[in-house]
């Protein structure tokens, strides 16, 4: 999602957005694969505190990408 395909499409996420969201993805991966360990509440609370900003960041990226798609569709319609 952070890779631009030159001449085809922009990256969905900017590098700093991808890095920020990767922390959440990493925690999800760890949580899904924990079988015999407890989840650290401090880590969970820290990510929960960041979640609102991460969600806003994702929705902003989504809006940017929709704008790109709309511009592309307008060019095709011409």
C-alpha atoms as a PDB file:
ATOM      1  CA  UNK A   1       0.000   0.000   0.000  1.00  0.00           C
ATOM      2  CA  UNK A   2       2.991   2.296   0.310  1.00  0.00           C
ATOM      3  CA  UNK A   3       4.459   1.493  -3.092  1.00  0.00           C
ATOM      4  CA  UNK A   4       3.929   3.903  -5.971  1.00  0.00           C
ATOM      5  CA  UNK A   5       3.653   2.279  -9.385  1.00  0.00           C
ATOM      6  CA  UNK A   6       5.060   4.982 -11.631  1.00  0.00           C
ATOM      7  CA  UNK A   7       2.776   5.872 -14.500  1.00  0.00           C
ATOM      8  CA  UNK A   8      -0.034   3.744 -13.069  1.00  0.00           C
ATOM      9  CA  UNK A   9      -0.994   4.779  -9.548  1.00  0.00           C
ATOM     10  CA  UNK A  10       0.324   6.610  -6.486  1.00  0.00           C
ATOM     11  CA  UNK A  11       1.023   4.921  -3.201  1.00  0.00           C
ATOM     12  CA  UNK A  12      -2.075   4.615  -1.048  1.00  0.00           C
ATOM     13  CA  UNK A  13      -0.072   5.437   2.091  1.00  0.00           C
ATOM     14  CA  UNK A  14       2.733   7.941   2.496  1.00  0.00           C
ATOM     15  CA  UNK A  15       5.901   6.446   4.030  1.00  0.00           C
ATOM     16  CA  UNK A  16       5.261   8.034   7.446  1.00  0.00           C
ATOM     17  CA  UNK A  17       1.664   6.758   7.404  1.00  0.00           C
ATOM     18  CA  UNK A  18       2.798   3.247   6.529  1.00  0.00           C
ATOM     19  CA  UNK A  19       5.336   3.310   9.371  1.00  0.00           C
ATOM     20  CA  UNK A  20       2.744   4.494  11.883  1.00  0.00           C
ATOM     21  CA  UNK A  21       0.180   1.902  10.805  1.00  0.00           C
ATOM     22  CA  UNK A  22       2.814  -0.840  10.760  1.00  0.00           C
ATOM     23  CA  UNK A  23       3.038  -0.661  14.551  1.00  0.00           C
ATOM     24  CA  UNK A  24      -0.656  -1.513  14.775  1.00  0.00           C
ATOM     25  CA  UNK A  25      -0.313  -4.288  12.198  1.00  0.00           C
ATOM     26  CA  UNK A  26       2.651  -5.711  14.069  1.00  0.00           C
ATOM     27  CA  UNK A  27       0.730  -5.788  17.323  1.00  0.00           C
ATOM     28  CA  UNK A  28      -2.193  -7.537  15.618  1.00  0.00           C
ATOM     29  CA  UNK A  29       0.182 -10.129  14.166  1.00  0.00           C
ATOM     30  CA  UNK A  30       1.786 -10.709  17.561  1.00  0.00           C
ATOM     31  CA  UNK A  31      -1.578 -10.971  19.314  1.00  0.00           C
ATOM     32  CA  UNK A  32      -2.948 -13.477  16.806  1.00  0.00           C
ATOM     33  CA  UNK A  33       0.100 -15.684  17.276  1.00  0.00           C
ATOM     34  CA  UNK A  34       0.338 -15.559  21.068  1.00  0.00           C
ATOM     35  CA  UNK A  35      -0.781 -18.804  22.566  1.00  0.00           C
ATOM     36  CA  UNK A  36       0.717 -19.072  26.012  1.00  0.00           C
ATOM     37  CA  UNK A  37       1.629 -15.484  26.922  1.00  0.00           C
ATOM     38  CA  UNK A  38      -0.370 -12.619  28.333  1.00  0.00           C
ATOM     39  CA  UNK A  39      -0.703  -9.411  26.362  1.00  0.00           C
ATOM     40  CA  UNK A  40       1.145  -6.479  27.879  1.00  0.00           C
ATOM     41  CA  UNK A  41      -1.505  -4.027  29.039  1.00  0.00           C
ATOM     42  CA  UNK A  42       0.890  -1.065  28.729  1.00  0.00           C
ATOM     43  CA  UNK A  43       1.449  -1.845  25.035  1.00  0.00           C
ATOM     44  CA  UNK A  44      -2.276  -2.274  24.455  1.00  0.00           C
ATOM     45  CA  UNK A  45      -3.050   1.021  26.190  1.00  0.00           C
ATOM     46  CA  UNK A  46      -0.356   2.852  24.223  1.00  0.00           C
ATOM     47  CA  UNK A  47      -1.748   1.608  20.916  1.00  0.00           C
ATOM     48  CA  UNK A  48      -5.291   2.369  22.000  1.00  0.00           C
ATOM     49  CA  UNK A  49      -4.260   5.948  22.751  1.00  0.00           C
ATOM     50  CA  UNK A  50      -2.827   6.239  19.213  1.00  0.00           C
ATOM     51  CA  UNK A  51      -5.739   4.547  17.478  1.00  0.00           C
ATOM     52  CA  UNK A  52      -7.846   7.651  16.863  1.00  0.00           C
ATOM     53  CA  UNK A  53      -4.935   9.405  15.151  1.00  0.00           C
ATOM     54  CA  UNK A  54      -4.107   6.261  13.156  1.00  0.00           C
ATOM     55  CA  UNK A  55      -7.721   5.914  12.022  1.00  0.00           C
ATOM     56  CA  UNK A  56      -7.802   9.572  10.956  1.00  0.00           C
ATOM     57  CA  UNK A  57      -4.548   9.071   9.073  1.00  0.00           C
ATOM     58  CA  UNK A  58      -5.968   6.056   7.248  1.00  0.00           C
ATOM     59  CA  UNK A  59      -9.184   7.858   6.305  1.00  0.00           C
ATOM     60  CA  UNK A  60      -7.168  10.820   4.985  1.00  0.00           C
ATOM     61  CA  UNK A  61      -5.120   8.421   2.831  1.00  0.00           C
ATOM     62  CA  UNK A  62      -8.348   6.864   1.598  1.00  0.00           C
ATOM     63  CA  UNK A  63      -9.731  10.288   0.627  1.00  0.00           C
ATOM     64  CA  UNK A  64      -6.504  11.141  -1.241  1.00  0.00           C
ATOM     65  CA  UNK A  65      -6.713   7.887  -3.164  1.00  0.00           C
ATOM     66  CA  UNK A  66     -10.390   8.389  -3.986  1.00  0.00           C
ATOM     67  CA  UNK A  67      -9.487  11.828  -5.340  1.00  0.00           C
ATOM     68  CA  UNK A  68      -6.849  10.205  -7.562  1.00  0.00           C
ATOM     69  CA  UNK A  69      -9.409   7.668  -8.821  1.00  0.00           C
ATOM     70  CA  UNK A  70     -11.954  10.400  -9.529  1.00  0.00           C
ATOM     71  CA  UNK A  71      -9.365  12.419 -11.479  1.00  0.00           C
ATOM     72  CA  UNK A  72      -8.405   9.314 -13.436  1.00  0.00           C
ATOM     73  CA  UNK A  73     -12.039   8.522 -14.205  1.00  0.00           C
ATOM     74  CA  UNK A  74     -12.569  12.099 -15.414  1.00  0.00           C
ATOM     75  CA  UNK A  75      -9.621  11.744 -17.812  1.00  0.00           C
ATOM     76  CA  UNK A  76     -11.019   8.487 -19.187  1.00  0.00           C
ATOM     77  CA  UNK A  77     -14.438  10.067 -19.705  1.00  0.00           C
ATOM     78  CA  UNK A  78     -12.983  12.829 -21.903  1.00  0.00           C
END
